[in-house]
Amino acid sequence: MARAEAAIGAARYAVSIRTGDHQLVADEPQKLGGGDAGPAPYDLLLASLGACTAITLKMYAERKQWPLSEAKVALHYLVENGTGRIERVLTLDGPLDDDQRARLADIAERTPVTLTLKSGLAISTSLS
């Protein structure tokens, strides 16, 4: 399944992330004391959800041979009265009918990352 490693060193909040054959950097914005060398942690969370949503919709449309030419996923993390929530807006391009569009919106509610976030996830921490 998925694996990642994250390490922080001398740069104030810049984190080197390695996952598979890929390397990226996360950081905090300058207004929070970081160097803005990469996306902030919540931005990465939203990016993961957006990527999973777009990929799942594309796979589903391909399997059904539906004319989805592009799927855009806009995400916004909000905190209101101490409770966090994510707003997700889908823009589906292509000559889809209303039933196909509604089905794709329904599928977006059941992508793997969506279901993981909605159900919560146990996290265990240990020292090496």
C-alpha atoms as a PDB file:
ATOM      1  CA  MET A   1       0.000   0.000   0.000  1.00  0.00           C
ATOM      2  CA  ALA A   2       1.032   3.638   0.181  1.00  0.00           C
ATOM      3  CA  ARG A   3       4.245   4.627   1.974  1.00  0.00           C
ATOM      4  CA  ALA A   4       5.989   7.936   2.608  1.00  0.00           C
ATOM      5  CA  GLU A   5       8.885   9.316   4.605  1.00  0.00           C
ATOM      6  CA  ALA A   6       9.242  12.909   5.773  1.00  0.00           C
ATOM      7  CA  ALA A   7      12.330  14.582   7.238  1.00  0.00           C
ATOM      8  CA  ILE A   8      13.045  18.076   8.505  1.00  0.00           C
ATOM      9  CA  GLY A   9      16.519  19.509   9.014  1.00  0.00           C
ATOM     10  CA  ALA A  10      18.094  22.942   9.186  1.00  0.00           C
ATOM     11  CA  ALA A  11      15.569  24.796   7.010  1.00  0.00           C
ATOM     12  CA  ARG A  12      12.999  26.147   9.437  1.00  0.00           C
ATOM     13  CA  TYR A  13       9.838  24.263   8.376  1.00  0.00           C
ATOM     14  CA  ALA A  14      10.763  22.803   4.986  1.00  0.00           C
ATOM     15  CA  VAL A  15      10.138  19.063   4.958  1.00  0.00           C
ATOM     16  CA  SER A  16      11.610  16.673   2.412  1.00  0.00           C
ATOM     17  CA  ILE A  17       9.062  14.013   1.493  1.00  0.00           C
ATOM     18  CA  ARG A  18       9.833  10.795  -0.312  1.00  0.00           C
ATOM     19  CA  THR A  19       7.159   8.438  -1.569  1.00  0.00           C
ATOM     20  CA  GLY A  20       8.080   5.669  -3.991  1.00  0.00           C
ATOM     21  CA  ASP A  21      10.341   7.156  -6.663  1.00  0.00           C
ATOM     22  CA  HIS A  22       9.027  10.673  -6.039  1.00  0.00           C
ATOM     23  CA  GLN A  23      10.433  13.496  -3.948  1.00  0.00           C
ATOM     24  CA  LEU A  24       8.674  16.701  -2.978  1.00  0.00           C
ATOM     25  CA  VAL A  25       8.894  19.478  -0.411  1.00  0.00           C
ATOM     26  CA  ALA A  26       6.286  20.720   2.029  1.00  0.00           C
ATOM     27  CA  ASP A  27       6.658  23.970   3.937  1.00  0.00           C
ATOM     28  CA  GLU A  28       4.675  26.591   5.765  1.00  0.00           C
ATOM     29  CA  PRO A  29       3.930  29.936   4.137  1.00  0.00           C
ATOM     30  CA  GLN A  30       6.089  32.911   5.050  1.00  0.00           C
ATOM     31  CA  LYS A  31       3.312  34.428   7.176  1.00  0.00           C
ATOM     32  CA  LEU A  32       3.637  31.363   9.467  1.00  0.00           C
ATOM     33  CA  GLY A  33       7.424  31.508   9.590  1.00  0.00           C
ATOM     34  CA  GLY A  34       8.194  29.115   6.762  1.00  0.00           C
ATOM     35  CA  GLY A  35       9.970  29.693   3.506  1.00  0.00           C
ATOM     36  CA  ASP A  36       7.028  28.727   1.274  1.00  0.00           C
ATOM     37  CA  ALA A  37       9.266  26.178  -0.491  1.00  0.00           C
ATOM     38  CA  GLY A  38       6.321  23.890  -1.159  1.00  0.00           C
ATOM     39  CA  PRO A  39       2.678  23.265  -0.320  1.00  0.00           C
ATOM     40  CA  ALA A  40       1.605  23.408   3.316  1.00  0.00           C
ATOM     41  CA  PRO A  41       0.347  20.180   4.942  1.00  0.00           C
ATOM     42  CA  TYR A  42      -3.366  20.967   4.493  1.00  0.00           C
ATOM     43  CA  ASP A  43      -2.707  21.910   0.871  1.00  0.00           C
ATOM     44  CA  LEU A  44      -1.174  18.459   0.378  1.00  0.00           C
ATOM     45  CA  LEU A  45      -4.220  16.878   2.018  1.00  0.00           C
ATOM     46  CA  LEU A  46      -6.527  18.717  -0.384  1.00  0.00           C
ATOM     47  CA  ALA A  47      -4.270  17.844  -3.323  1.00  0.00           C
ATOM     48  CA  SER A  48      -4.508  14.166  -2.393  1.00  0.00           C
ATOM     49  CA  LEU A  49      -8.292  14.302  -2.235  1.00  0.00           C
ATOM     50  CA  GLY A  50      -8.457  16.237  -5.517  1.00  0.00           C
ATOM     51  CA  ALA A  51      -6.142  13.815  -7.296  1.00  0.00           C
ATOM     52  CA  CYS A  52      -8.058  10.778  -6.058  1.00  0.00           C
ATOM     53  CA  THR A  53     -11.372  12.355  -7.073  1.00  0.00           C
ATOM     54  CA  ALA A  54     -10.202  13.307 -10.572  1.00  0.00           C
ATOM     55  CA  ILE A  55      -8.558   9.920 -11.201  1.00  0.00           C
ATOM     56  CA  THR A  56     -11.592   7.988  -9.960  1.00  0.00           C
ATOM     57  CA  LEU A  57     -13.982  10.015 -12.116  1.00  0.00           C
ATOM     58  CA  LYS A  58     -11.776   9.556 -15.189  1.00  0.00           C
ATOM     59  CA  MET A  59     -11.506   5.788 -14.590  1.00  0.00           C
ATOM     60  CA  TYR A  60     -15.261   5.455 -14.083  1.00  0.00           C
ATOM     61  CA  ALA A  61     -16.094   7.493 -17.210  1.00  0.00           C
ATOM     62  CA  GLU A  62     -13.615   5.472 -19.281  1.00  0.00           C
ATOM     63  CA  ARG A  63     -15.080   2.182 -18.039  1.00  0.00           C
ATOM     64  CA  LYS A  64     -18.595   3.388 -18.910  1.00  0.00           C
ATOM     65  CA  GLN A  65     -17.332   4.938 -22.197  1.00  0.00           C
ATOM     66  CA  TRP A  66     -18.831   8.278 -21.197  1.00  0.00           C
ATOM     67  CA  PRO A  67     -17.654  11.471 -22.961  1.00  0.00           C
ATOM     68  CA  LEU A  68     -15.867  13.086 -19.992  1.00  0.00           C
ATOM     69  CA  SER A  69     -13.160  15.219 -21.595  1.00  0.00           C
ATOM     70  CA  GLU A  70     -11.965  16.876 -18.379  1.00  0.00           C
ATOM     71  CA  ALA A  71     -12.761  16.765 -14.667  1.00  0.00           C
ATOM     72  CA  LYS A  72     -11.685  19.653 -12.463  1.00  0.00           C
ATOM     73  CA  VAL A  73     -11.868  19.446  -8.698  1.00  0.00           C
ATOM     74  CA  ALA A  74     -11.731  22.638  -6.615  1.00  0.00           C
ATOM     75  CA  LEU A  75     -11.243  22.129  -2.881  1.00  0.00           C
ATOM     76  CA  HIS A  76     -11.320  24.416   0.119  1.00  0.00           C
ATOM     77  CA  TYR A  77     -10.633  23.495   3.748  1.00  0.00           C
ATOM     78  CA  LEU A  78     -12.692  25.581   6.172  1.00  0.00           C
ATOM     79  CA  VAL A  79     -12.935  25.706   9.948  1.00  0.00           C
ATOM     80  CA  GLU A  80     -16.174  27.029  11.404  1.00  0.00           C
ATOM     81  CA  ASN A  81     -16.966  27.005  15.122  1.00  0.00           C
ATOM     82  CA  GLY A  82     -13.976  24.749  15.706  1.00  0.00           C
ATOM     83  CA  THR A  83     -15.125  22.151  13.189  1.00  0.00           C
ATOM     84  CA  GLY A  84     -13.226  21.502   9.965  1.00  0.00           C
ATOM     85  CA  ARG A  85     -14.872  20.635   6.692  1.00  0.00           C
ATOM     86  CA  ILE A  86     -13.913  20.410   3.051  1.00  0.00           C
ATOM     87  CA  GLU A  87     -15.908  21.973   0.239  1.00  0.00           C
ATOM     88  CA  ARG A  88     -15.437  20.193  -3.086  1.00  0.00           C
ATOM     89  CA  VAL A  89     -16.746  21.586  -6.391  1.00  0.00           C
ATOM     90  CA  LEU A  90     -16.642  19.447  -9.534  1.00  0.00           C
ATOM     91  CA  THR A  91     -16.499  20.878 -13.037  1.00  0.00           C
ATOM     92  CA  LEU A  92     -17.205  18.137 -15.570  1.00  0.00           C
ATOM     93  CA  ASP A  93     -16.504  18.959 -19.204  1.00  0.00           C
ATOM     94  CA  GLY A  94     -17.844  16.973 -22.120  1.00  0.00           C
ATOM     95  CA  PRO A  95     -21.266  16.179 -23.582  1.00  0.00           C
ATOM     96  CA  LEU A  96     -22.546  14.327 -20.503  1.00  0.00           C
ATOM     97  CA  ASP A  97     -26.259  14.057 -19.838  1.00  0.00           C
ATOM     98  CA  ASP A  98     -27.803  14.968 -16.467  1.00  0.00           C
ATOM     99  CA  ASP A  99     -27.885  11.348 -15.267  1.00  0.00           C
ATOM    100  CA  GLN A 100     -24.190  10.849 -16.083  1.00  0.00           C
ATOM    101  CA  ARG A 101     -23.256  14.076 -14.301  1.00  0.00           C
ATOM    102  CA  ALA A 102     -25.287  13.081 -11.241  1.00  0.00           C
ATOM    103  CA  ARG A 103     -23.689   9.627 -11.213  1.00  0.00           C
ATOM    104  CA  LEU A 104     -20.192  11.109 -11.389  1.00  0.00           C
ATOM    105  CA  ALA A 105     -21.033  13.427  -8.466  1.00  0.00           C
ATOM    106  CA  ASP A 106     -22.210  10.366  -6.544  1.00  0.00           C
ATOM    107  CA  ILE A 107     -19.003   8.495  -7.411  1.00  0.00           C
ATOM    108  CA  ALA A 108     -16.968  11.463  -6.088  1.00  0.00           C
ATOM    109  CA  GLU A 109     -18.571  10.871  -2.685  1.00  0.00           C
ATOM    110  CA  ARG A 110     -17.165   7.334  -2.643  1.00  0.00           C
ATOM    111  CA  THR A 111     -13.566   7.664  -3.837  1.00  0.00           C
ATOM    112  CA  PRO A 112     -10.998   5.848  -1.679  1.00  0.00           C
ATOM    113  CA  VAL A 113      -9.526   9.027  -0.152  1.00  0.00           C
ATOM    114  CA  THR A 114     -13.004  10.513   0.383  1.00  0.00           C
ATOM    115  CA  LEU A 115     -14.109   7.416   2.280  1.00  0.00           C
ATOM    116  CA  THR A 116     -10.917   7.373   4.342  1.00  0.00           C
ATOM    117  CA  LEU A 117     -11.347  11.001   5.362  1.00  0.00           C
ATOM    118  CA  LYS A 118     -15.045  10.593   6.126  1.00  0.00           C
ATOM    119  CA  SER A 119     -14.547   7.479   8.242  1.00  0.00           C
ATOM    120  CA  GLY A 120     -11.523   8.702  10.160  1.00  0.00           C
ATOM    121  CA  LEU A 121      -8.343   6.698  10.419  1.00  0.00           C
ATOM    122  CA  ALA A 122      -6.458   5.141  13.296  1.00  0.00           C
ATOM    123  CA  ILE A 123      -2.867   6.382  13.542  1.00  0.00           C
ATOM    124  CA  SER A 124      -0.320   4.586  15.688  1.00  0.00           C
ATOM    125  CA  THR A 125       2.959   6.252  16.622  1.00  0.00           C
ATOM    126  CA  SER A 126       6.145   4.571  17.840  1.00  0.00           C
ATOM    127  CA  LEU A 127       9.821   5.469  18.234  1.00  0.00           C
ATOM    128  CA  SER A 128      12.628   3.727  16.360  1.00  0.00           C
END
